[in-house]
Amino acid sequence: MATILVVDDNAVIRRMISVMLRRAEHTPIPAESVEEALQRLAESIVDLVLLDLAMPEVDGLSLLRQLRADPRYQHLPIIMLTASAQDQDREDARAAGANDFLNKPASSTELLETVERWLMERLLSAT
């Protein structure tokens, strides 16, 4: 159905999210770093990004800002994922252009409902 970039430095989280997405008939593209995410974006057409906020070296917020500055990705739905429950993280992510924000561990129902809502939003805004 949709191709979804899953950016998280934790291999277990990437695998779990990928399994959930495959069960919902989506195609996950895993990336463990910002550098790998940028490479995957250059190689594939992506319908949505699930992006971990806290990653080593370059964090998800930096990637979010970089994507929003690029005209090719300004309308790409980006959902931030984090284990942090701090309101400031949500505010920073929204200010940088995140479409939504989920706390880890998000339930499979919550994650898939959020993904489907933003895929539908993207589809409707394209028409």
PDB file of N, CA and C in Angstrom:
ATOM      1  N   MET A   1       0.824  -1.188   0.000  1.00  0.00           N
ATOM      2  CA  MET A   1       0.000   0.000   0.000  1.00  0.00           C
ATOM      3  C   MET A   1       0.869   1.253   0.000  1.00  0.00           C
ATOM      4  N   ALA A   2       1.590   1.495   1.103  1.00  0.00           N
ATOM      5  CA  ALA A   2       2.448   2.680   1.189  1.00  0.00           C
ATOM      6  C   ALA A   2       3.871   2.251   1.540  1.00  0.00           C
ATOM      7  N   THR A   3       4.809   3.070   1.123  1.00  0.00           N
ATOM      8  CA  THR A   3       6.213   2.848   1.465  1.00  0.00           C
ATOM      9  C   THR A   3       6.554   3.792   2.605  1.00  0.00           C
ATOM     10  N   ILE A   4       7.068   3.216   3.698  1.00  0.00           N
ATOM     11  CA  ILE A   4       7.293   3.994   4.912  1.00  0.00           C
ATOM     12  C   ILE A   4       8.737   3.830   5.373  1.00  0.00           C
ATOM     13  N   LEU A   5       9.422   4.953   5.489  1.00  0.00           N
ATOM     14  CA  LEU A   5      10.788   4.960   5.993  1.00  0.00           C
ATOM     15  C   LEU A   5      10.746   4.922   7.516  1.00  0.00           C
ATOM     16  N   VAL A   6      11.425   3.934   8.099  1.00  0.00           N
ATOM     17  CA  VAL A   6      11.470   3.758   9.548  1.00  0.00           C
ATOM     18  C   VAL A   6      12.891   4.062  10.004  1.00  0.00           C
ATOM     19  N   VAL A   7      13.075   5.214  10.665  1.00  0.00           N
ATOM     20  CA  VAL A   7      14.403   5.661  11.071  1.00  0.00           C
ATOM     21  C   VAL A   7      14.516   5.552  12.586  1.00  0.00           C
ATOM     22  N   ASP A   8      15.345   4.600  13.039  1.00  0.00           N
ATOM     23  CA  ASP A   8      15.550   4.402  14.472  1.00  0.00           C
ATOM     24  C   ASP A   8      16.881   3.693  14.650  1.00  0.00           C
ATOM     25  N   ASP A   9      17.674   4.137  15.611  1.00  0.00           N
ATOM     26  CA  ASP A   9      18.971   3.514  15.838  1.00  0.00           C
ATOM     27  C   ASP A   9      18.868   2.175  16.552  1.00  0.00           C
ATOM     28  N   ASN A  10      17.706   1.846  17.097  1.00  0.00           N
ATOM     29  CA  ASN A  10      17.491   0.590  17.811  1.00  0.00           C
ATOM     30  C   ASN A  10      16.963  -0.468  16.839  1.00  0.00           C
ATOM     31  N   ALA A  11      17.760  -1.534  16.619  1.00  0.00           N
ATOM     32  CA  ALA A  11      17.393  -2.574  15.661  1.00  0.00           C
ATOM     33  C   ALA A  11      16.097  -3.285  16.048  1.00  0.00           C
ATOM     34  N   VAL A  12      15.874  -3.496  17.326  1.00  0.00           N
ATOM     35  CA  VAL A  12      14.661  -4.181  17.785  1.00  0.00           C
ATOM     36  C   VAL A  12      13.424  -3.333  17.458  1.00  0.00           C
ATOM     37  N   ILE A  13      13.502  -2.046  17.720  1.00  0.00           N
ATOM     38  CA  ILE A  13      12.384  -1.139  17.417  1.00  0.00           C
ATOM     39  C   ILE A  13      12.122  -1.126  15.918  1.00  0.00           C
ATOM     40  N   ARG A  14      13.179  -1.016  15.113  1.00  0.00           N
ATOM     41  CA  ARG A  14      13.008  -1.015  13.648  1.00  0.00           C
ATOM     42  C   ARG A  14      12.313  -2.290  13.182  1.00  0.00           C
ATOM     43  N   ARG A  15      12.751  -3.415  13.727  1.00  0.00           N
ATOM     44  CA  ARG A  15      12.167  -4.698  13.348  1.00  0.00           C
ATOM     45  C   ARG A  15      10.695  -4.781  13.760  1.00  0.00           C
ATOM     46  N   MET A  16      10.387  -4.384  14.989  1.00  0.00           N
ATOM     47  CA  MET A  16       9.007  -4.442  15.480  1.00  0.00           C
ATOM     48  C   MET A  16       8.087  -3.567  14.626  1.00  0.00           C
ATOM     49  N   ILE A  17       8.520  -2.356  14.358  1.00  0.00           N
ATOM     50  CA  ILE A  17       7.699  -1.449  13.542  1.00  0.00           C
ATOM     51  C   ILE A  17       7.553  -2.001  12.130  1.00  0.00           C
ATOM     52  N   SER A  18       8.619  -2.544  11.579  1.00  0.00           N
ATOM     53  CA  SER A  18       8.564  -3.106  10.224  1.00  0.00           C
ATOM     54  C   SER A  18       7.568  -4.263  10.144  1.00  0.00           C
ATOM     55  N   VAL A  19       7.564  -5.123  11.164  1.00  0.00           N
ATOM     56  CA  VAL A  19       6.605  -6.236  11.192  1.00  0.00           C
ATOM     57  C   VAL A  19       5.173  -5.699  11.229  1.00  0.00           C
ATOM     58  N   MET A  20       4.922  -4.697  12.090  1.00  0.00           N
ATOM     59  CA  MET A  20       3.580  -4.092  12.170  1.00  0.00           C
ATOM     60  C   MET A  20       3.155  -3.527  10.824  1.00  0.00           C
ATOM     61  N   LEU A  21       4.075  -2.832  10.173  1.00  0.00           N
ATOM     62  CA  LEU A  21       3.747  -2.207   8.885  1.00  0.00           C
ATOM     63  C   LEU A  21       3.485  -3.253   7.806  1.00  0.00           C
ATOM     64  N   ARG A  22       4.289  -4.317   7.780  1.00  0.00           N
ATOM     65  CA  ARG A  22       4.073  -5.375   6.786  1.00  0.00           C
ATOM     66  C   ARG A  22       2.714  -6.040   6.989  1.00  0.00           C
ATOM     67  N   ARG A  23       2.353  -6.267   8.238  1.00  0.00           N
ATOM     68  CA  ARG A  23       1.040  -6.877   8.529  1.00  0.00           C
ATOM     69  C   ARG A  23      -0.104  -5.990   8.035  1.00  0.00           C
ATOM     70  N   ALA A  24       0.136  -4.696   8.011  1.00  0.00           N
ATOM     71  CA  ALA A  24      -0.872  -3.753   7.497  1.00  0.00           C
ATOM     72  C   ALA A  24      -0.697  -3.521   5.995  1.00  0.00           C
ATOM     73  N   GLU A  25       0.129  -4.361   5.363  1.00  0.00           N
ATOM     74  CA  GLU A  25       0.366  -4.348   3.918  1.00  0.00           C
ATOM     75  C   GLU A  25       1.110  -3.119   3.416  1.00  0.00           C
ATOM     76  N   HIS A  26       1.945  -2.547   4.276  1.00  0.00           N
ATOM     77  CA  HIS A  26       2.826  -1.453   3.872  1.00  0.00           C
ATOM     78  C   HIS A  26       4.222  -2.009   3.637  1.00  0.00           C
ATOM     79  N   THR A  27       5.048  -1.232   2.971  1.00  0.00           N
ATOM     80  CA  THR A  27       6.436  -1.623   2.723  1.00  0.00           C
ATOM     81  C   THR A  27       7.345  -0.754   3.579  1.00  0.00           C
ATOM     82  N   PRO A  28       7.948  -1.334   4.630  1.00  0.00           N
ATOM     83  CA  PRO A  28       8.874  -0.556   5.448  1.00  0.00           C
ATOM     84  C   PRO A  28      10.261  -0.517   4.814  1.00  0.00           C
ATOM     85  N   ILE A  29      10.903   0.621   4.948  1.00  0.00           N
ATOM     86  CA  ILE A  29      12.302   0.767   4.553  1.00  0.00           C
ATOM     87  C   ILE A  29      13.051   1.186   5.813  1.00  0.00           C
ATOM     88  N   PRO A  30      13.825   0.269   6.406  1.00  0.00           N
ATOM     89  CA  PRO A  30      14.518   0.596   7.653  1.00  0.00           C
ATOM     90  C   PRO A  30      15.798   1.404   7.417  1.00  0.00           C
ATOM     91  N   ALA A  31      16.081   2.280   8.374  1.00  0.00           N
ATOM     92  CA  ALA A  31      17.329   3.049   8.372  1.00  0.00           C
ATOM     93  C   ALA A  31      17.752   3.238   9.823  1.00  0.00           C
ATOM     94  N   GLU A  32      19.030   3.016  10.116  1.00  0.00           N
ATOM     95  CA  GLU A  32      19.480   3.110  11.503  1.00  0.00           C
ATOM     96  C   GLU A  32      20.133   4.437  11.853  1.00  0.00           C
ATOM     97  N   SER A  33      20.274   5.313  10.870  1.00  0.00           N
ATOM     98  CA  SER A  33      20.909   6.606  11.126  1.00  0.00           C
ATOM     99  C   SER A  33      20.346   7.650  10.175  1.00  0.00           C
ATOM    100  N   VAL A  34      20.638   8.891  10.477  1.00  0.00           N
ATOM    101  CA  VAL A  34      20.222   9.984   9.600  1.00  0.00           C
ATOM    102  C   VAL A  34      20.872   9.829   8.228  1.00  0.00           C
ATOM    103  N   GLU A  35      22.144   9.463   8.208  1.00  0.00           N
ATOM    104  CA  GLU A  35      22.853   9.293   6.942  1.00  0.00           C
ATOM    105  C   GLU A  35      22.197   8.214   6.090  1.00  0.00           C
ATOM    106  N   GLU A  36      21.857   7.086   6.727  1.00  0.00           N
ATOM    107  CA  GLU A  36      21.207   6.001   5.994  1.00  0.00           C
ATOM    108  C   GLU A  36      19.803   6.426   5.536  1.00  0.00           C
ATOM    109  N   ALA A  37      19.103   7.181   6.361  1.00  0.00           N
ATOM    110  CA  ALA A  37      17.769   7.670   5.989  1.00  0.00           C
ATOM    111  C   ALA A  37      17.856   8.539   4.733  1.00  0.00           C
ATOM    112  N   LEU A  38      18.820   9.430   4.688  1.00  0.00           N
ATOM    113  CA  LEU A  38      18.984  10.292   3.508  1.00  0.00           C
ATOM    114  C   LEU A  38      19.305   9.465   2.270  1.00  0.00           C
ATOM    115  N   GLN A  39      20.100   8.423   2.439  1.00  0.00           N
ATOM    116  CA  GLN A  39      20.424   7.523   1.326  1.00  0.00           C
ATOM    117  C   GLN A  39      19.164   6.805   0.841  1.00  0.00           C
ATOM    118  N   ARG A  40      18.368   6.305   1.769  1.00  0.00           N
ATOM    119  CA  ARG A  40      17.117   5.602   1.405  1.00  0.00           C
ATOM    120  C   ARG A  40      16.140   6.555   0.692  1.00  0.00           C
ATOM    121  N   LEU A  41      16.071   7.787   1.152  1.00  0.00           N
ATOM    122  CA  LEU A  41      15.204   8.767   0.505  1.00  0.00           C
ATOM    123  C   LEU A  41      15.660   9.065  -0.924  1.00  0.00           C
ATOM    124  N   ALA A  42      16.967   9.057  -1.145  1.00  0.00           N
ATOM    125  CA  ALA A  42      17.502   9.297  -2.485  1.00  0.00           C
ATOM    126  C   ALA A  42      17.218   8.119  -3.415  1.00  0.00           C
ATOM    127  N   GLU A  43      17.065   6.924  -2.842  1.00  0.00           N
ATOM    128  CA  GLU A  43      16.872   5.709  -3.634  1.00  0.00           C
ATOM    129  C   GLU A  43      15.401   5.352  -3.869  1.00  0.00           C
ATOM    130  N   SER A  44      14.514   5.814  -3.016  1.00  0.00           N
ATOM    131  CA  SER A  44      13.124   5.350  -3.041  1.00  0.00           C
ATOM    132  C   SER A  44      12.136   6.504  -2.917  1.00  0.00           C
ATOM    133  N   ILE A  45      10.953   6.268  -3.438  1.00  0.00           N
ATOM    134  CA  ILE A  45       9.852   7.193  -3.208  1.00  0.00           C
ATOM    135  C   ILE A  45       9.166   6.733  -1.931  1.00  0.00           C
ATOM    136  N   VAL A  46       9.062   7.628  -0.976  1.00  0.00           N
ATOM    137  CA  VAL A  46       8.534   7.300   0.341  1.00  0.00           C
ATOM    138  C   VAL A  46       7.241   8.081   0.562  1.00  0.00           C
ATOM    139  N   ASP A  47       6.254   7.418   1.178  1.00  0.00           N
ATOM    140  CA  ASP A  47       4.959   8.047   1.429  1.00  0.00           C
ATOM    141  C   ASP A  47       4.845   8.651   2.815  1.00  0.00           C
ATOM    142  N   LEU A  48       5.703   8.207   3.744  1.00  0.00           N
ATOM    143  CA  LEU A  48       5.629   8.664   5.132  1.00  0.00           C
ATOM    144  C   LEU A  48       6.931   8.284   5.825  1.00  0.00           C
ATOM    145  N   VAL A  49       7.300   9.048   6.850  1.00  0.00           N
ATOM    146  CA  VAL A  49       8.505   8.752   7.634  1.00  0.00           C
ATOM    147  C   VAL A  49       8.124   8.607   9.108  1.00  0.00           C
ATOM    148  N   LEU A  50       8.610   7.530   9.721  1.00  0.00           N
ATOM    149  CA  LEU A  50       8.559   7.356  11.174  1.00  0.00           C
ATOM    150  C   LEU A  50       9.976   7.614  11.653  1.00  0.00           C
ATOM    151  N   LEU A  51      10.163   8.621  12.485  1.00  0.00           N
ATOM    152  CA  LEU A  51      11.495   9.118  12.804  1.00  0.00           C
ATOM    153  C   LEU A  51      11.733   9.193  14.303  1.00  0.00           C
ATOM    154  N   ASP A  52      12.745   8.469  14.765  1.00  0.00           N
ATOM    155  CA  ASP A  52      13.139   8.515  16.168  1.00  0.00           C
ATOM    156  C   ASP A  52      13.757   9.875  16.467  1.00  0.00           C
ATOM    157  N   LEU A  53      13.401  10.428  17.586  1.00  0.00           N
ATOM    158  CA  LEU A  53      13.923  11.741  17.970  1.00  0.00           C
ATOM    159  C   LEU A  53      15.367  11.655  18.456  1.00  0.00           C
ATOM    160  N   ALA A  54      15.640  10.721  19.362  1.00  0.00           N
ATOM    161  CA  ALA A  54      16.969  10.625  19.976  1.00  0.00           C
ATOM    162  C   ALA A  54      17.801   9.550  19.288  1.00  0.00           C
ATOM    163  N   MET A  55      18.804   9.996  18.557  1.00  0.00           N
ATOM    164  CA  MET A  55      19.731   9.078  17.903  1.00  0.00           C
ATOM    165  C   MET A  55      21.140   9.613  18.084  1.00  0.00           C
ATOM    166  N   PRO A  56      22.129   8.723  18.040  1.00  0.00           N
ATOM    167  CA  PRO A  56      23.513   9.190  18.205  1.00  0.00           C
ATOM    168  C   PRO A  56      23.977  10.012  17.000  1.00  0.00           C
ATOM    169  N   GLU A  57      24.984  10.782  17.202  1.00  0.00           N
ATOM    170  CA  GLU A  57      25.602  11.633  16.181  1.00  0.00           C
ATOM    171  C   GLU A  57      24.659  12.730  15.707  1.00  0.00           C
ATOM    172  N   VAL A  58      23.713  12.414  14.829  1.00  0.00           N
ATOM    173  CA  VAL A  58      22.760  13.404  14.344  1.00  0.00           C
ATOM    174  C   VAL A  58      21.371  12.945  14.783  1.00  0.00           C
ATOM    175  N   ASP A  59      20.640  13.811  15.479  1.00  0.00           N
ATOM    176  CA  ASP A  59      19.334  13.393  15.998  1.00  0.00           C
ATOM    177  C   ASP A  59      18.221  13.556  14.965  1.00  0.00           C
ATOM    178  N   GLY A  60      17.074  12.992  15.301  1.00  0.00           N
ATOM    179  CA  GLY A  60      15.933  13.035  14.400  1.00  0.00           C
ATOM    180  C   GLY A  60      15.420  14.436  14.133  1.00  0.00           C
ATOM    181  N   LEU A  61      15.535  15.306  15.115  1.00  0.00           N
ATOM    182  CA  LEU A  61      15.088  16.691  14.944  1.00  0.00           C
ATOM    183  C   LEU A  61      15.905  17.391  13.850  1.00  0.00           C
ATOM    184  N   SER A  62      17.190  17.097  13.794  1.00  0.00           N
ATOM    185  CA  SER A  62      18.038  17.677  12.739  1.00  0.00           C
ATOM    186  C   SER A  62      17.621  17.178  11.366  1.00  0.00           C
ATOM    187  N   LEU A  63      17.316  15.881  11.272  1.00  0.00           N
ATOM    188  CA  LEU A  63      16.846  15.343   9.993  1.00  0.00           C
ATOM    189  C   LEU A  63      15.504  15.962   9.619  1.00  0.00           C
ATOM    190  N   LEU A  64      14.622  16.091  10.584  1.00  0.00           N
ATOM    191  CA  LEU A  64      13.317  16.710  10.335  1.00  0.00           C
ATOM    192  C   LEU A  64      13.487  18.111   9.749  1.00  0.00           C
ATOM    193  N   ARG A  65      14.338  18.908  10.354  1.00  0.00           N
ATOM    194  CA  ARG A  65      14.581  20.268   9.851  1.00  0.00           C
ATOM    195  C   ARG A  65      15.150  20.247   8.434  1.00  0.00           C
ATOM    196  N   GLN A  66      16.061  19.314   8.200  1.00  0.00           N
ATOM    197  CA  GLN A  66      16.678  19.204   6.879  1.00  0.00           C
ATOM    198  C   GLN A  66      15.632  18.820   5.825  1.00  0.00           C
ATOM    199  N   LEU A  67      14.752  17.903   6.166  1.00  0.00           N
ATOM    200  CA  LEU A  67      13.717  17.489   5.215  1.00  0.00           C
ATOM    201  C   LEU A  67      12.726  18.614   4.946  1.00  0.00           C
ATOM    202  N   ARG A  68      12.340  19.329   5.976  1.00  0.00           N
ATOM    203  CA  ARG A  68      11.375  20.418   5.786  1.00  0.00           C
ATOM    204  C   ARG A  68      11.973  21.572   4.995  1.00  0.00           C
ATOM    205  N   ALA A  69      13.285  21.709   4.980  1.00  0.00           N
ATOM    206  CA  ALA A  69      13.944  22.757   4.204  1.00  0.00           C
ATOM    207  C   ALA A  69      14.066  22.374   2.725  1.00  0.00           C
ATOM    208  N   ASP A  70      13.852  21.105   2.416  1.00  0.00           N
ATOM    209  CA  ASP A  70      13.963  20.604   1.040  1.00  0.00           C
ATOM    210  C   ASP A  70      12.571  20.575   0.409  1.00  0.00           C
ATOM    211  N   PRO A  71      12.353  21.286  -0.691  1.00  0.00           N
ATOM    212  CA  PRO A  71      11.020  21.330  -1.313  1.00  0.00           C
ATOM    213  C   PRO A  71      10.447  19.952  -1.641  1.00  0.00           C
ATOM    214  N   ARG A  72      11.301  18.965  -1.906  1.00  0.00           N
ATOM    215  CA  ARG A  72      10.811  17.622  -2.237  1.00  0.00           C
ATOM    216  C   ARG A  72      10.102  16.955  -1.066  1.00  0.00           C
ATOM    217  N   TYR A  73      10.435  17.364   0.151  1.00  0.00           N
ATOM    218  CA  TYR A  73       9.903  16.674   1.332  1.00  0.00           C
ATOM    219  C   TYR A  73       9.046  17.563   2.234  1.00  0.00           C
ATOM    220  N   GLN A  74       8.725  18.755   1.781  1.00  0.00           N
ATOM    221  CA  GLN A  74       7.954  19.666   2.620  1.00  0.00           C
ATOM    222  C   GLN A  74       6.571  19.137   2.975  1.00  0.00           C
ATOM    223  N   HIS A  75       5.991  18.334   2.100  1.00  0.00           N
ATOM    224  CA  HIS A  75       4.639  17.822   2.356  1.00  0.00           C
ATOM    225  C   HIS A  75       4.629  16.343   2.739  1.00  0.00           C
ATOM    226  N   LEU A  76       5.799  15.777   2.920  1.00  0.00           N
ATOM    227  CA  LEU A  76       5.914  14.375   3.328  1.00  0.00           C
ATOM    228  C   LEU A  76       5.513  14.245   4.795  1.00  0.00           C
ATOM    229  N   PRO A  77       4.528  13.397   5.125  1.00  0.00           N
ATOM    230  CA  PRO A  77       4.168  13.228   6.541  1.00  0.00           C
ATOM    231  C   PRO A  77       5.325  12.619   7.328  1.00  0.00           C
ATOM    232  N   ILE A  78       5.649  13.266   8.434  1.00  0.00           N
ATOM    233  CA  ILE A  78       6.725  12.790   9.307  1.00  0.00           C
ATOM    234  C   ILE A  78       6.169  12.681  10.717  1.00  0.00           C
ATOM    235  N   ILE A  79       6.236  11.466  11.249  1.00  0.00           N
ATOM    236  CA  ILE A  79       5.761  11.180  12.600  1.00  0.00           C
ATOM    237  C   ILE A  79       6.978  10.901  13.464  1.00  0.00           C
ATOM    238  N   MET A  80       7.139  11.697  14.490  1.00  0.00           N
ATOM    239  CA  MET A  80       8.271  11.542  15.404  1.00  0.00           C
ATOM    240  C   MET A  80       7.939  10.486  16.461  1.00  0.00           C
ATOM    241  N   LEU A  81       8.938   9.674  16.786  1.00  0.00           N
ATOM    242  CA  LEU A  81       8.827   8.663  17.836  1.00  0.00           C
ATOM    243  C   LEU A  81       9.890   8.934  18.885  1.00  0.00           C
ATOM    244  N   THR A  82       9.522   8.826  20.166  1.00  0.00           N
ATOM    245  CA  THR A  82      10.523   9.028  21.202  1.00  0.00           C
ATOM    246  C   THR A  82      10.127   8.330  22.485  1.00  0.00           C
ATOM    247  N   ALA A  83      11.133   7.971  23.260  1.00  0.00           N
ATOM    248  CA  ALA A  83      10.901   7.401  24.585  1.00  0.00           C
ATOM    249  C   ALA A  83      10.758   8.521  25.615  1.00  0.00           C
ATOM    250  N   SER A  84      11.084   9.736  25.230  1.00  0.00           N
ATOM    251  CA  SER A  84      10.986  10.885  26.127  1.00  0.00           C
ATOM    252  C   SER A  84       9.544  11.355  26.221  1.00  0.00           C
ATOM    253  N   ALA A  85       9.130  11.679  27.430  1.00  0.00           N
ATOM    254  CA  ALA A  85       7.758  12.173  27.629  1.00  0.00           C
ATOM    255  C   ALA A  85       7.745  13.681  27.873  1.00  0.00           C
ATOM    256  N   GLN A  86       8.835  14.352  27.565  1.00  0.00           N
ATOM    257  CA  GLN A  86       8.930  15.780  27.841  1.00  0.00           C
ATOM    258  C   GLN A  86       8.126  16.598  26.828  1.00  0.00           C
ATOM    259  N   ASP A  87       7.344  17.528  27.346  1.00  0.00           N
ATOM    260  CA  ASP A  87       6.541  18.394  26.485  1.00  0.00           C
ATOM    261  C   ASP A  87       7.419  19.220  25.544  1.00  0.00           C
ATOM    262  N   GLN A  88       8.611  19.596  25.992  1.00  0.00           N
ATOM    263  CA  GLN A  88       9.509  20.403  25.168  1.00  0.00           C
ATOM    264  C   GLN A  88       9.890  19.658  23.891  1.00  0.00           C
ATOM    265  N   ASP A  89      10.054  18.331  23.980  1.00  0.00           N
ATOM    266  CA  ASP A  89      10.377  17.550  22.780  1.00  0.00           C
ATOM    267  C   ASP A  89       9.246  17.637  21.757  1.00  0.00           C
ATOM    268  N   ARG A  90       8.018  17.537  22.237  1.00  0.00           N
ATOM    269  CA  ARG A  90       6.860  17.659  21.347  1.00  0.00           C
ATOM    270  C   ARG A  90       6.818  19.038  20.702  1.00  0.00           C
ATOM    271  N   GLU A  91       7.016  20.064  21.502  1.00  0.00           N
ATOM    272  CA  GLU A  91       6.991  21.435  20.989  1.00  0.00           C
ATOM    273  C   GLU A  91       8.079  21.663  19.955  1.00  0.00           C
ATOM    274  N   ASP A  92       9.285  21.169  20.245  1.00  0.00           N
ATOM    275  CA  ASP A  92      10.395  21.325  19.303  1.00  0.00           C
ATOM    276  C   ASP A  92      10.111  20.595  17.988  1.00  0.00           C
ATOM    277  N   ALA A  93       9.560  19.392  18.100  1.00  0.00           N
ATOM    278  CA  ALA A  93       9.259  18.607  16.905  1.00  0.00           C
ATOM    279  C   ALA A  93       8.169  19.277  16.067  1.00  0.00           C
ATOM    280  N   ARG A  94       7.140  19.741  16.710  1.00  0.00           N
ATOM    281  CA  ARG A  94       6.062  20.418  15.974  1.00  0.00           C
ATOM    282  C   ARG A  94       6.571  21.708  15.329  1.00  0.00           C
ATOM    283  N   ALA A  95       7.380  22.457  16.059  1.00  0.00           N
ATOM    284  CA  ALA A  95       7.935  23.702  15.515  1.00  0.00           C
ATOM    285  C   ALA A  95       8.827  23.432  14.310  1.00  0.00           C
ATOM    286  N   ALA A  96       9.484  22.291  14.302  1.00  0.00           N
ATOM    287  CA  ALA A  96      10.369  21.941  13.193  1.00  0.00           C
ATOM    288  C   ALA A  96       9.606  21.348  12.010  1.00  0.00           C
ATOM    289  N   GLY A  97       8.321  21.047  12.199  1.00  0.00           N
ATOM    290  CA  GLY A  97       7.515  20.568  11.085  1.00  0.00           C
ATOM    291  C   GLY A  97       7.003  19.151  11.188  1.00  0.00           C
ATOM    292  N   ALA A  98       7.095  18.520  12.356  1.00  0.00           N
ATOM    293  CA  ALA A  98       6.550  17.167  12.515  1.00  0.00           C
ATOM    294  C   ALA A  98       5.036  17.204  12.388  1.00  0.00           C
ATOM    295  N   ASN A  99       4.488  16.218  11.718  1.00  0.00           N
ATOM    296  CA  ASN A  99       3.039  16.128  11.586  1.00  0.00           C
ATOM    297  C   ASN A  99       2.396  15.547  12.837  1.00  0.00           C
ATOM    298  N   ASP A 100       3.123  14.665  13.496  1.00  0.00           N
ATOM    299  CA  ASP A 100       2.576  14.025  14.689  1.00  0.00           C
ATOM    300  C   ASP A 100       3.730  13.529  15.547  1.00  0.00           C
ATOM    301  N   PHE A 101       3.378  13.046  16.728  1.00  0.00           N
ATOM    302  CA  PHE A 101       4.383  12.686  17.722  1.00  0.00           C
ATOM    303  C   PHE A 101       3.834  11.522  18.531  1.00  0.00           C
ATOM    304  N   LEU A 102       4.561  10.403  18.569  1.00  0.00           N
ATOM    305  CA  LEU A 102       4.153   9.248  19.359  1.00  0.00           C
ATOM    306  C   LEU A 102       5.233   8.899  20.375  1.00  0.00           C
ATOM    307  N   ASN A 103       4.790   8.554  21.576  1.00  0.00           N
ATOM    308  CA  ASN A 103       5.734   8.093  22.592  1.00  0.00           C
ATOM    309  C   ASN A 103       5.982   6.604  22.422  1.00  0.00           C
ATOM    310  N   LYS A 104       7.247   6.212  22.581  1.00  0.00           N
ATOM    311  CA  LYS A 104       7.595   4.794  22.560  1.00  0.00           C
ATOM    312  C   LYS A 104       7.467   4.261  23.981  1.00  0.00           C
ATOM    313  N   PRO A 105       6.964   3.086  24.147  1.00  0.00           N
ATOM    314  CA  PRO A 105       6.491   2.210  23.078  1.00  0.00           C
ATOM    315  C   PRO A 105       5.046   2.526  22.737  1.00  0.00           C
ATOM    316  N   ALA A 106       4.783   2.813  21.498  1.00  0.00           N
ATOM    317  CA  ALA A 106       3.404   3.037  21.038  1.00  0.00           C
ATOM    318  C   ALA A 106       2.781   1.672  20.760  1.00  0.00           C
ATOM    319  N   SER A 107       1.536   1.540  21.058  1.00  0.00           N
ATOM    320  CA  SER A 107       0.854   0.274  20.749  1.00  0.00           C
ATOM    321  C   SER A 107       0.758   0.133  19.232  1.00  0.00           C
ATOM    322  N   SER A 108       0.625  -1.098  18.777  1.00  0.00           N
ATOM    323  CA  SER A 108       0.497  -1.306  17.331  1.00  0.00           C
ATOM    324  C   SER A 108      -0.751  -0.607  16.805  1.00  0.00           C
ATOM    325  N   THR A 109      -1.816  -0.610  17.589  1.00  0.00           N
ATOM    326  CA  THR A 109      -3.053   0.064  17.167  1.00  0.00           C
ATOM    327  C   THR A 109      -2.827   1.560  17.024  1.00  0.00           C
ATOM    328  N   GLU A 110      -2.209   2.178  18.025  1.00  0.00           N
ATOM    329  CA  GLU A 110      -1.958   3.622  17.981  1.00  0.00           C
ATOM    330  C   GLU A 110      -1.041   3.978  16.811  1.00  0.00           C
ATOM    331  N   LEU A 111       0.020   3.212  16.634  1.00  0.00           N
ATOM    332  CA  LEU A 111       0.964   3.478  15.558  1.00  0.00           C
ATOM    333  C   LEU A 111       0.283   3.364  14.197  1.00  0.00           C
ATOM    334  N   LEU A 112      -0.432   2.277  13.974  1.00  0.00           N
ATOM    335  CA  LEU A 112      -1.067   2.068  12.667  1.00  0.00           C
ATOM    336  C   LEU A 112      -2.189   3.058  12.406  1.00  0.00           C
ATOM    337  N   GLU A 113      -2.960   3.411  13.431  1.00  0.00           N
ATOM    338  CA  GLU A 113      -4.010   4.421  13.247  1.00  0.00           C
ATOM    339  C   GLU A 113      -3.406   5.770  12.864  1.00  0.00           C
ATOM    340  N   THR A 114      -2.304   6.121  13.501  1.00  0.00           N
ATOM    341  CA  THR A 114      -1.639   7.393  13.187  1.00  0.00           C
ATOM    342  C   THR A 114      -1.077   7.367  11.771  1.00  0.00           C
ATOM    343  N   VAL A 115      -0.432   6.273  11.405  1.00  0.00           N
ATOM    344  CA  VAL A 115       0.114   6.131  10.047  1.00  0.00           C
ATOM    345  C   VAL A 115      -1.008   6.240   9.016  1.00  0.00           C
ATOM    346  N   GLU A 116      -2.081   5.496   9.221  1.00  0.00           N
ATOM    347  CA  GLU A 116      -3.199   5.506   8.257  1.00  0.00           C
ATOM    348  C   GLU A 116      -3.831   6.892   8.138  1.00  0.00           C
ATOM    349  N   ARG A 117      -3.975   7.576   9.273  1.00  0.00           N
ATOM    350  CA  ARG A 117      -4.567   8.922   9.250  1.00  0.00           C
ATOM    351  C   ARG A 117      -3.717   9.866   8.397  1.00  0.00           C
ATOM    352  N   TRP A 118      -2.390   9.824   8.563  1.00  0.00           N
ATOM    353  CA  TRP A 118      -1.534  10.733   7.814  1.00  0.00           C
ATOM    354  C   TRP A 118      -1.383  10.324   6.350  1.00  0.00           C
ATOM    355  N   LEU A 119      -1.469   9.024   6.072  1.00  0.00           N
ATOM    356  CA  LEU A 119      -1.466   8.603   4.664  1.00  0.00           C
ATOM    357  C   LEU A 119      -2.731   9.093   3.970  1.00  0.00           C
ATOM    358  N   MET A 120      -3.854   9.010   4.663  1.00  0.00           N
ATOM    359  CA  MET A 120      -5.121   9.491   4.108  1.00  0.00           C
ATOM    360  C   MET A 120      -5.071  11.017   3.916  1.00  0.00           C
ATOM    361  N   GLU A 121      -4.535  11.710   4.894  1.00  0.00           N
ATOM    362  CA  GLU A 121      -4.390  13.167   4.809  1.00  0.00           C
ATOM    363  C   GLU A 121      -3.548  13.548   3.590  1.00  0.00           C
ATOM    364  N   ARG A 122      -2.469  12.822   3.385  1.00  0.00           N
ATOM    365  CA  ARG A 122      -1.593  13.096   2.238  1.00  0.00           C
ATOM    366  C   ARG A 122      -2.331  12.844   0.927  1.00  0.00           C
ATOM    367  N   LEU A 123      -3.076  11.756   0.879  1.00  0.00           N
ATOM    368  CA  LEU A 123      -3.837  11.422  -0.312  1.00  0.00           C
ATOM    369  C   LEU A 123      -4.879  12.495  -0.614  1.00  0.00           C
ATOM    370  N   LEU A 124      -5.591  12.931   0.402  1.00  0.00           N
ATOM    371  CA  LEU A 124      -6.626  13.947   0.217  1.00  0.00           C
ATOM    372  C   LEU A 124      -6.040  15.305  -0.172  1.00  0.00           C
ATOM    373  N   SER A 125      -4.887  15.638   0.353  1.00  0.00           N
ATOM    374  CA  SER A 125      -4.280  16.936   0.016  1.00  0.00           C
ATOM    375  C   SER A 125      -3.684  16.944  -1.390  1.00  0.00           C
ATOM    376  N   ALA A 126      -3.432  15.762  -1.937  1.00  0.00           N
ATOM    377  CA  ALA A 126      -2.880  15.665  -3.290  1.00  0.00           C
ATOM    378  C   ALA A 126      -3.962  15.799  -4.356  1.00  0.00           C
ATOM    379  N   THR A 127      -5.224  15.668  -3.944  1.00  0.00           N
ATOM    380  CA  THR A 127      -6.299  15.719  -4.941  1.00  0.00           C
ATOM    381  C   THR A 127      -6.908  17.104  -5.036  1.00  0.00           C
TER     382      THR A 127
END
